[in-house]
Amino acid sequence: MRASQRPRVVVVGSGWHFLSGISYYTCRLSNALQERFDVSAILMRRLLPARLYPGRDRVGQQLSDLRYDDDIPVFDGVDWWAAPSLARAVAFLRSQRPDVLVLQWWTGAVLHSYLVLAIAARRLGIRVVIEFHEVQDTGELRHRWAARYVRGAIRPLLRRTSGVVVHSAYDRDALASAYDLGGVPAEIALHGPFDHHAAPVERAPGADGVTRLLYFGTIRPYKGLEDLIEAFATLDPSYRLTVVGETWEGWTRPGELIAASSARDRITFVNRYVPDTEVNEYFAAADAVVLPYRRSSASGPLHIAMSHGLPVVVTSVGGLVEAAGPYPGTVFVPAGEPAELAAGITHAAGLVGRRHADPSSWGRTTDAYARLFERIGVGQDTATSSNQAVPLLSPDLR
């Protein structure tokens, strides 16, 4: 007999070795689910050969202060070459005896490991849920071979899937356009707050009459930073801009535009991945955050900004409309329009000086998971066995 009658959940996602926003999300989700379920975690440790990773120079560095709750068993972790780490992960999965395995999907680099875990789970009668952060990473989509690999190799993984989680209706529709989900249960779990980056740092006052803007996050083609650099040059001298982010995919165009900008003396460029202590300091020293994405399903920097109560100028693309819409400090602008972006920044300046309430909640996220688990039969006093009747995903890739 189990010591606890609460459903058991194993969450699988990005570890700390190849640190990214999904590393933080996996930890925050696991800690939140622990309030309602018995949770353990399997971390993907080395995602791919370090030389292929955009942040190769910081791989393995301890940049995060976030930790898993003490009562969450953590297996850290699985390496891309599999032996012997993947077999050990399967043994850990077997020892935890979960009712459901929750896979965080964000990159094709984990696909082969996820498939092995899913096969092992199904043989043990464990239901499999995939939380899609996006259908496929935009950088991977630029490489035809990577896109073909994912679209082909994901089929057997999806056939073993009992349910899916997405962050927005936009993502649900995008997923449905890529894969025919049929009658497989899906739930929208809005992104929880990233308030671990908001405490406890006092606001750093700025000079009178100066509005301090912050762009934060990796610098990639879809992030639209070049639009912000162009827009910023048209603003009056009372504005200052700080750009904090690591360059990915060789996207050096924004850095070149900063160097050539007529407003260069009012721009601070921190071209690296910063540790948690600095994250807090940069947001505490900002009056407003600008996120000029060309496309996006979700945004960690958006949730950090909302946790700090700052005005946010964000493009009305993808899942960001649903994520930022309820936030009173949001100013939406169209994507790829520097003039509209500049106008939005001017509007946001009028929202500076008061803290805006963040409507996001991890409780809302766990509620969505609880609904999905109930729909797929988890927590309904059914013993774990290999012959459980659960809905499976038979994808029709289009």
Protein backbone atom coordinates (compact mmCIF):
# COMPACT_ATOMS: atom_id res chain seq x y z
CA MET A 1 0.00 0.00 0.00
CA ARG A 2 1.11 3.52 -0.69
CA ALA A 3 1.94 5.80 2.20
CA SER A 4 -0.02 8.54 0.43
CA GLN A 5 -3.22 8.28 -1.56
CA ARG A 6 -2.38 11.38 -3.59
CA PRO A 7 -1.69 10.75 -7.28
CA ARG A 8 2.00 10.40 -8.09
CA VAL A 9 3.53 12.50 -10.84
CA VAL A 10 6.97 12.42 -12.45
CA VAL A 11 7.84 15.65 -14.28
CA VAL A 12 10.53 15.52 -16.97
CA GLY A 13 12.16 18.68 -18.27
CA SER A 14 15.28 20.76 -18.66
CA GLY A 15 17.91 20.59 -15.94
CA TRP A 16 20.39 23.19 -14.73
CA HIS A 17 23.42 22.12 -16.80
CA PHE A 18 22.06 23.66 -20.02
CA LEU A 19 20.22 26.47 -18.25
CA SER A 20 17.23 28.04 -20.01
CA GLY A 21 13.76 29.33 -19.27
CA ILE A 22 12.45 25.75 -19.41
CA SER A 23 14.83 24.85 -16.58
CA TYR A 24 13.12 27.42 -14.38
CA TYR A 25 9.66 26.39 -15.59
CA THR A 26 10.25 22.68 -14.90
CA CYS A 27 11.33 23.47 -11.34
CA ARG A 28 8.50 25.93 -10.64
CA LEU A 29 5.89 23.54 -12.07
CA SER A 30 7.21 20.62 -10.02
CA ASN A 31 7.16 22.67 -6.83
CA ALA A 32 3.63 23.88 -7.58
CA LEU A 33 2.28 20.41 -8.37
CA GLN A 34 3.78 19.13 -5.12
CA GLU A 35 1.09 21.09 -3.27
CA ARG A 36 -1.51 18.69 -4.65
CA PHE A 37 0.33 15.59 -5.84
CA ASP A 38 3.34 13.48 -4.88
CA VAL A 39 5.94 14.75 -7.34
CA SER A 40 9.38 13.64 -8.45
CA ALA A 41 11.46 14.92 -11.33
CA ILE A 42 13.76 13.65 -14.06
CA LEU A 43 16.05 16.32 -15.50
CA MET A 44 17.52 16.35 -18.98
CA ARG A 45 21.13 17.16 -18.09
CA ARG A 46 23.26 17.36 -21.23
CA LEU A 47 20.89 18.10 -24.11
CA LEU A 48 23.39 17.86 -26.97
CA PRO A 49 27.13 18.23 -27.60
CA ALA A 50 28.11 21.48 -25.87
CA ARG A 51 29.80 22.82 -29.01
CA LEU A 52 26.39 22.87 -30.73
CA TYR A 53 24.66 24.81 -27.95
CA PRO A 54 24.29 28.59 -28.45
CA GLY A 55 25.23 29.18 -24.80
CA ARG A 56 28.18 26.81 -24.91
CA ASP A 57 30.48 29.12 -22.91
CA ARG A 58 28.28 28.93 -19.80
CA VAL A 59 27.30 25.23 -19.89
CA GLY A 60 27.59 23.76 -16.40
CA GLN A 61 27.94 27.10 -14.61
CA GLN A 62 25.74 27.65 -11.56
CA LEU A 63 23.72 30.69 -12.57
CA SER A 64 20.39 29.93 -10.89
CA ASP A 65 19.45 30.13 -7.21
CA LEU A 66 16.16 28.26 -7.72
CA ARG A 67 15.88 24.81 -6.13
CA TYR A 68 13.44 21.91 -6.05
CA ASP A 69 11.51 21.45 -2.82
CA ASP A 70 13.29 19.15 -0.38
CA ASP A 71 10.51 16.55 -0.53
CA ILE A 72 10.74 16.19 -4.34
CA PRO A 73 13.08 13.33 -5.36
CA VAL A 74 15.15 14.48 -8.36
CA PHE A 75 17.08 12.38 -10.85
CA ASP A 76 19.76 14.60 -12.43
CA GLY A 77 19.97 13.52 -15.08
CA VAL A 78 19.77 12.20 -18.64
CA ASP A 79 22.52 12.85 -21.20
CA TRP A 80 22.04 12.99 -24.96
CA TRP A 81 24.23 9.92 -25.56
CA ALA A 82 21.87 7.92 -23.29
CA ALA A 83 24.20 5.29 -21.78
CA PRO A 84 24.01 4.72 -18.88
CA SER A 85 21.94 7.73 -17.78
CA LEU A 86 18.77 6.85 -19.66
CA ALA A 87 18.64 3.33 -18.20
CA ARG A 88 19.10 4.86 -14.76
CA ALA A 89 16.26 7.30 -15.47
CA VAL A 90 13.98 4.38 -16.37
CA ALA A 91 14.98 2.67 -13.12
CA PHE A 92 14.16 5.88 -11.24
CA LEU A 93 10.79 6.05 -13.00
CA ARG A 94 10.05 2.48 -11.99
CA SER A 95 11.05 3.14 -8.39
CA GLN A 96 8.72 6.16 -8.13
CA ARG A 97 5.69 4.19 -9.39
CA PRO A 98 3.87 7.30 -10.70
CA ASP A 99 0.37 7.43 -12.08
CA VAL A 100 1.38 9.90 -14.76
CA LEU A 101 4.56 10.99 -16.55
CA VAL A 102 4.60 14.68 -17.57
CA LEU A 103 7.02 15.51 -20.39
CA GLN A 104 8.00 19.15 -20.99
CA TRP A 105 8.33 19.60 -24.77
CA TRP A 106 10.45 22.44 -26.13
CA THR A 107 13.16 20.94 -28.34
CA GLY A 108 13.71 17.96 -30.59
CA ALA A 109 17.01 17.30 -28.82
CA VAL A 110 15.12 15.38 -26.12
CA LEU A 111 12.91 13.37 -28.45
CA HIS A 112 14.83 10.08 -28.40
CA SER A 113 15.10 10.16 -24.60
CA TYR A 114 11.42 11.03 -24.21
CA LEU A 115 10.44 8.16 -26.48
CA VAL A 116 12.33 5.66 -24.32
CA LEU A 117 10.75 7.06 -21.16
CA ALA A 118 7.29 6.99 -22.71
CA ILE A 119 7.70 3.38 -23.87
CA ALA A 120 8.84 2.38 -20.40
CA ALA A 121 5.95 4.29 -18.83
CA ARG A 122 3.30 2.68 -21.00
CA ARG A 123 4.69 -0.79 -20.27
CA LEU A 124 4.34 0.02 -16.58
CA GLY A 125 0.77 1.26 -17.08
CA ILE A 126 1.73 4.89 -16.50
CA ARG A 127 -0.19 7.53 -18.41
CA VAL A 128 1.87 10.01 -20.43
CA VAL A 129 1.10 13.73 -20.70
CA ILE A 130 3.05 16.18 -22.85
CA GLU A 131 3.14 19.89 -22.07
CA PHE A 132 3.93 21.72 -25.28
CA HIS A 133 5.78 25.01 -24.87
CA GLU A 134 5.80 25.24 -28.66
CA VAL A 135 5.37 22.78 -31.50
CA GLN A 136 9.06 23.02 -32.44
CA ASP A 137 11.90 25.36 -31.58
CA THR A 138 12.25 28.13 -34.17
CA GLY A 139 15.99 27.57 -34.48
CA GLU A 140 15.44 23.91 -35.26
CA LEU A 141 12.83 24.78 -37.87
CA ARG A 142 15.51 26.65 -39.82
CA HIS A 143 17.28 23.33 -40.39
CA ARG A 144 15.29 21.12 -42.74
CA TRP A 145 16.84 17.92 -41.43
CA ALA A 146 15.91 18.78 -37.83
CA ALA A 147 12.34 19.66 -38.76
CA ARG A 148 11.95 16.40 -40.70
CA TYR A 149 13.44 14.38 -37.85
CA VAL A 150 11.00 15.80 -35.30
CA ARG A 151 7.94 15.50 -37.51
CA GLY A 152 8.76 11.89 -38.26
CA ALA A 153 10.17 10.66 -34.96
CA ILE A 154 7.51 12.29 -32.80
CA ARG A 155 4.86 9.92 -34.16
CA PRO A 156 5.60 6.99 -31.82
CA LEU A 157 5.82 9.37 -28.86
CA LEU A 158 2.42 10.87 -29.61
CA ARG A 159 0.90 7.41 -30.02
CA ARG A 160 1.71 6.81 -26.37
CA THR A 161 0.29 10.13 -25.17
CA SER A 162 -2.84 10.23 -23.00
CA GLY A 163 -3.28 14.01 -22.82
CA VAL A 164 -1.65 17.32 -23.68
CA VAL A 165 -1.18 20.65 -21.94
CA VAL A 166 -0.65 24.00 -23.70
CA HIS A 167 -0.30 27.59 -22.47
CA SER A 168 -3.00 29.22 -24.61
CA ALA A 169 -5.80 28.68 -27.07
CA TYR A 170 -3.40 29.93 -29.72
CA ASP A 171 -0.98 27.11 -28.89
CA ARG A 172 -3.82 24.59 -28.83
CA ASP A 173 -4.81 25.61 -32.35
CA ALA A 174 -1.20 25.58 -33.57
CA LEU A 175 -0.72 22.10 -32.16
CA ALA A 176 -3.93 20.88 -33.76
CA SER A 177 -2.79 22.24 -37.12
CA ALA A 178 0.43 20.23 -36.87
CA TYR A 179 -1.00 17.03 -35.39
CA ASP A 180 -4.50 15.62 -35.51
CA LEU A 181 -5.20 15.25 -31.79
CA GLY A 182 -8.51 13.53 -32.36
CA GLY A 183 -10.30 13.00 -29.04
CA VAL A 184 -7.21 13.22 -26.86
CA PRO A 185 -7.91 15.46 -23.85
CA ALA A 186 -6.17 18.84 -23.87
CA GLU A 187 -6.07 21.51 -21.20
CA ILE A 188 -4.90 25.12 -21.28
CA ALA A 189 -2.61 25.79 -18.31
CA LEU A 190 -1.68 29.45 -18.28
CA HIS A 191 1.97 30.11 -17.40
CA GLY A 192 2.51 30.66 -13.67
CA PRO A 193 4.38 33.68 -12.28
CA PHE A 194 8.17 33.89 -12.29
CA ASP A 195 8.14 35.73 -8.98
CA HIS A 196 11.34 34.03 -7.81
CA HIS A 197 13.02 36.86 -9.77
CA ALA A 198 11.10 39.54 -7.87
CA ALA A 199 12.13 39.07 -4.26
CA PRO A 200 13.56 40.60 -2.30
CA VAL A 201 15.09 43.51 -4.23
CA GLU A 202 14.24 47.15 -3.61
CA ARG A 203 13.37 49.35 -6.55
CA ALA A 204 16.36 51.37 -7.73
CA PRO A 205 15.22 54.97 -8.28
CA GLY A 206 16.22 56.66 -11.53
CA ALA A 207 16.98 60.23 -12.39
CA ASP A 208 14.09 62.67 -12.55
CA GLY A 209 12.49 62.89 -15.97
CA VAL A 210 14.23 59.72 -17.28
CA THR A 211 12.32 56.61 -18.36
CA ARG A 212 14.45 53.47 -18.17
CA LEU A 213 13.52 50.74 -20.68
CA LEU A 214 14.64 47.12 -20.45
CA TYR A 215 14.84 44.41 -23.08
CA PHE A 216 15.61 41.08 -21.43
CA GLY A 217 16.08 37.62 -22.93
CA THR A 218 18.01 35.71 -25.54
CA ILE A 219 18.71 37.56 -28.77
CA ARG A 220 17.25 35.52 -31.62
CA PRO A 221 15.76 36.35 -35.03
CA TYR A 222 12.14 36.03 -33.83
CA LYS A 223 12.64 38.29 -30.80
CA GLY A 224 12.42 41.52 -32.86
CA LEU A 225 15.15 43.39 -30.99
CA GLU A 226 16.15 45.18 -34.18
CA ASP A 227 12.67 46.78 -34.24
CA LEU A 228 13.25 48.12 -30.74
CA ILE A 229 16.66 49.58 -31.65
CA GLU A 230 15.10 51.38 -34.61
CA ALA A 231 12.16 52.61 -32.53
CA PHE A 232 14.37 53.77 -29.69
CA ALA A 233 16.38 56.06 -31.97
CA THR A 234 13.18 58.05 -32.63
CA LEU A 235 12.41 58.67 -28.93
CA ASP A 236 13.42 61.85 -27.17
CA PRO A 237 16.58 61.94 -25.00
CA SER A 238 14.64 61.33 -21.79
CA TYR A 239 14.61 57.60 -22.52
CA ARG A 240 17.37 55.13 -21.69
CA LEU A 241 17.53 51.52 -22.92
CA THR A 242 19.28 48.52 -21.38
CA VAL A 243 19.53 45.36 -23.48
CA VAL A 244 20.39 42.21 -21.52
CA GLY A 245 20.67 38.96 -23.39
CA GLU A 246 22.80 36.23 -24.89
CA THR A 247 23.10 36.00 -28.68
CA TRP A 248 21.71 32.77 -30.18
CA GLU A 249 21.72 31.39 -33.72
CA GLY A 250 24.48 33.82 -34.69
CA TRP A 251 21.95 36.67 -34.74
CA THR A 252 24.34 39.62 -34.46
CA ARG A 253 22.20 42.12 -36.38
CA PRO A 254 20.77 43.78 -33.22
CA GLY A 255 24.26 44.28 -31.81
CA GLU A 256 25.39 45.87 -35.07
CA LEU A 257 22.39 48.20 -35.00
CA ILE A 258 23.16 49.21 -31.42
CA ALA A 259 26.74 50.06 -32.36
CA ALA A 260 25.57 52.17 -35.31
CA SER A 261 22.57 53.80 -33.58
CA SER A 262 22.36 57.59 -33.31
CA ALA A 263 21.20 56.95 -29.73
CA ARG A 264 24.16 54.69 -28.87
CA ASP A 265 25.16 56.81 -25.87
CA ARG A 266 21.76 56.08 -24.26
CA ILE A 267 21.91 52.28 -24.78
CA THR A 268 23.59 49.81 -22.40
CA PHE A 269 24.27 46.42 -24.01
CA VAL A 270 24.90 43.44 -21.71
CA ASN A 271 25.50 40.65 -24.22
CA ARG A 272 25.51 37.57 -21.98
CA TYR A 273 23.32 35.25 -19.94
CA VAL A 274 23.13 36.79 -16.47
CA PRO A 275 22.76 34.96 -13.12
CA ASP A 276 19.66 35.27 -10.98
CA THR A 277 21.12 37.96 -8.71
CA GLU A 278 21.67 40.24 -11.71
CA VAL A 279 18.24 39.47 -13.16
CA ASN A 280 16.64 40.98 -10.07
CA GLU A 281 18.89 44.04 -10.25
CA TYR A 282 18.13 44.78 -13.91
CA PHE A 283 14.37 44.57 -13.41
CA ALA A 284 14.56 46.60 -10.20
CA ALA A 285 16.39 49.33 -12.15
CA ALA A 286 13.84 49.43 -15.00
CA ASP A 287 10.74 51.59 -15.35
CA ALA A 288 9.22 49.57 -18.21
CA VAL A 289 9.99 46.37 -20.14
CA VAL A 290 9.82 46.10 -23.94
CA LEU A 291 9.33 42.73 -25.66
CA PRO A 292 9.04 43.30 -29.44
CA TYR A 293 8.70 39.64 -30.51
CA ARG A 294 7.84 38.78 -34.11
CA ARG A 295 6.26 35.53 -32.86
CA SER A 296 6.00 33.74 -29.54
CA SER A 297 4.04 31.07 -27.70
CA ALA A 298 5.14 32.14 -24.21
CA SER A 299 7.73 34.40 -22.61
CA GLY A 300 9.64 34.00 -19.36
CA PRO A 301 10.77 37.67 -19.42
CA LEU A 302 7.11 38.73 -19.70
CA HIS A 303 6.29 36.86 -16.49
CA ILE A 304 9.34 38.25 -14.71
CA ALA A 305 8.23 41.77 -15.69
CA MET A 306 4.67 41.15 -14.47
CA SER A 307 5.99 39.73 -11.19
CA HIS A 308 7.87 43.01 -10.72
CA GLY A 309 4.68 44.97 -11.47
CA LEU A 310 6.30 46.88 -14.34
CA PRO A 311 4.58 48.28 -17.43
CA VAL A 312 5.21 45.98 -20.40
CA VAL A 313 5.17 46.92 -24.07
CA VAL A 314 4.63 43.65 -25.91
CA THR A 315 3.61 42.67 -29.42
CA SER A 316 0.19 41.13 -29.93
CA VAL A 317 1.46 37.82 -31.30
CA GLY A 318 0.79 34.17 -30.55
CA GLY A 319 0.11 33.18 -26.97
CA LEU A 320 1.29 36.52 -25.60
CA VAL A 321 -2.15 38.04 -26.12
CA GLU A 322 -3.70 35.61 -23.64
CA ALA A 323 -0.72 35.73 -21.26
CA ALA A 324 -0.47 39.54 -21.05
CA GLY A 325 -4.06 40.53 -21.79
CA PRO A 326 -5.35 40.44 -18.18
CA TYR A 327 -2.31 42.35 -16.86
CA PRO A 328 -3.18 46.02 -16.24
CA GLY A 329 0.34 47.19 -17.10
CA THR A 330 0.26 45.81 -20.66
CA VAL A 331 0.55 47.95 -23.76
CA PHE A 332 0.03 45.90 -26.92
CA VAL A 333 1.61 46.91 -30.23
CA PRO A 334 1.72 45.23 -33.65
CA ALA A 335 4.81 43.19 -34.50
CA GLY A 336 7.44 44.46 -36.92
CA GLU A 337 6.29 48.09 -36.74
CA PRO A 338 8.99 50.30 -35.14
CA ALA A 339 6.83 53.45 -35.34
CA GLU A 340 3.96 51.73 -33.51
CA LEU A 341 6.45 50.33 -31.02
CA ALA A 342 7.77 53.82 -30.27
CA ALA A 343 4.21 55.05 -29.73
CA GLY A 344 3.55 52.13 -27.39
CA ILE A 345 6.65 52.96 -25.38
CA THR A 346 5.48 56.56 -25.02
CA HIS A 347 2.11 55.29 -23.82
CA ALA A 348 3.75 52.93 -21.32
CA ALA A 349 5.71 55.85 -19.84
CA GLY A 350 2.39 57.09 -18.52
CA LEU A 351 1.98 53.85 -16.54
CA VAL A 352 5.32 54.21 -14.76
CA GLY A 353 5.38 54.92 -11.03
CA ARG A 354 2.86 52.39 -9.74
CA ARG A 355 3.03 48.64 -9.26
CA HIS A 356 0.65 46.67 -11.46
CA ALA A 357 -0.92 43.49 -10.07
CA ASP A 358 0.21 40.23 -11.65
CA PRO A 359 -2.87 38.08 -12.35
CA SER A 360 -0.92 34.87 -13.00
CA SER A 361 -0.99 32.02 -10.48
CA TRP A 362 0.59 28.59 -10.13
CA GLY A 363 -2.60 27.51 -8.42
CA ARG A 364 -4.41 28.10 -11.70
CA THR A 365 -1.78 25.98 -13.46
CA THR A 366 -2.17 23.07 -11.05
CA ASP A 367 -5.96 23.33 -11.38
CA ALA A 368 -5.58 22.75 -15.12
CA TYR A 369 -3.40 19.71 -14.49
CA ALA A 370 -5.90 18.36 -11.96
CA ARG A 371 -8.69 18.69 -14.54
CA LEU A 372 -6.62 16.86 -17.16
CA PHE A 373 -5.62 14.10 -14.75
CA GLU A 374 -9.27 13.55 -13.87
CA ARG A 375 -10.20 13.38 -17.56
CA ILE A 376 -7.59 10.68 -18.24
CA GLY A 377 -8.49 8.65 -15.15
CA VAL A 378 -5.69 9.62 -12.77
CA GLY A 379 -6.69 9.85 -9.10
CA GLN A 380 -9.88 7.86 -9.50
CA ASP A 381 -8.81 4.98 -7.26
CA THR A 382 -7.57 2.89 -10.16
CA ALA A 383 -4.47 0.84 -9.50
CA THR A 384 -1.62 1.27 -11.91
CA SER A 385 -1.63 -1.62 -14.36
CA SER A 386 -0.55 -2.20 -17.91
CA ASN A 387 -4.07 -2.84 -19.17
CA GLN A 388 -5.61 0.49 -18.15
CA ALA A 389 -7.89 1.94 -20.79
CA VAL A 390 -6.57 5.40 -21.63
CA PRO A 391 -7.04 7.55 -24.72
CA LEU A 392 -4.01 7.48 -27.00
CA LEU A 393 -2.97 10.06 -29.56
CA SER A 394 -2.89 8.82 -33.15
CA PRO A 395 -1.39 11.80 -34.91
CA ASP A 396 -2.00 12.70 -38.51
CA LEU A 397 0.85 15.05 -39.30
CA ARG A 398 0.00 17.64 -41.90
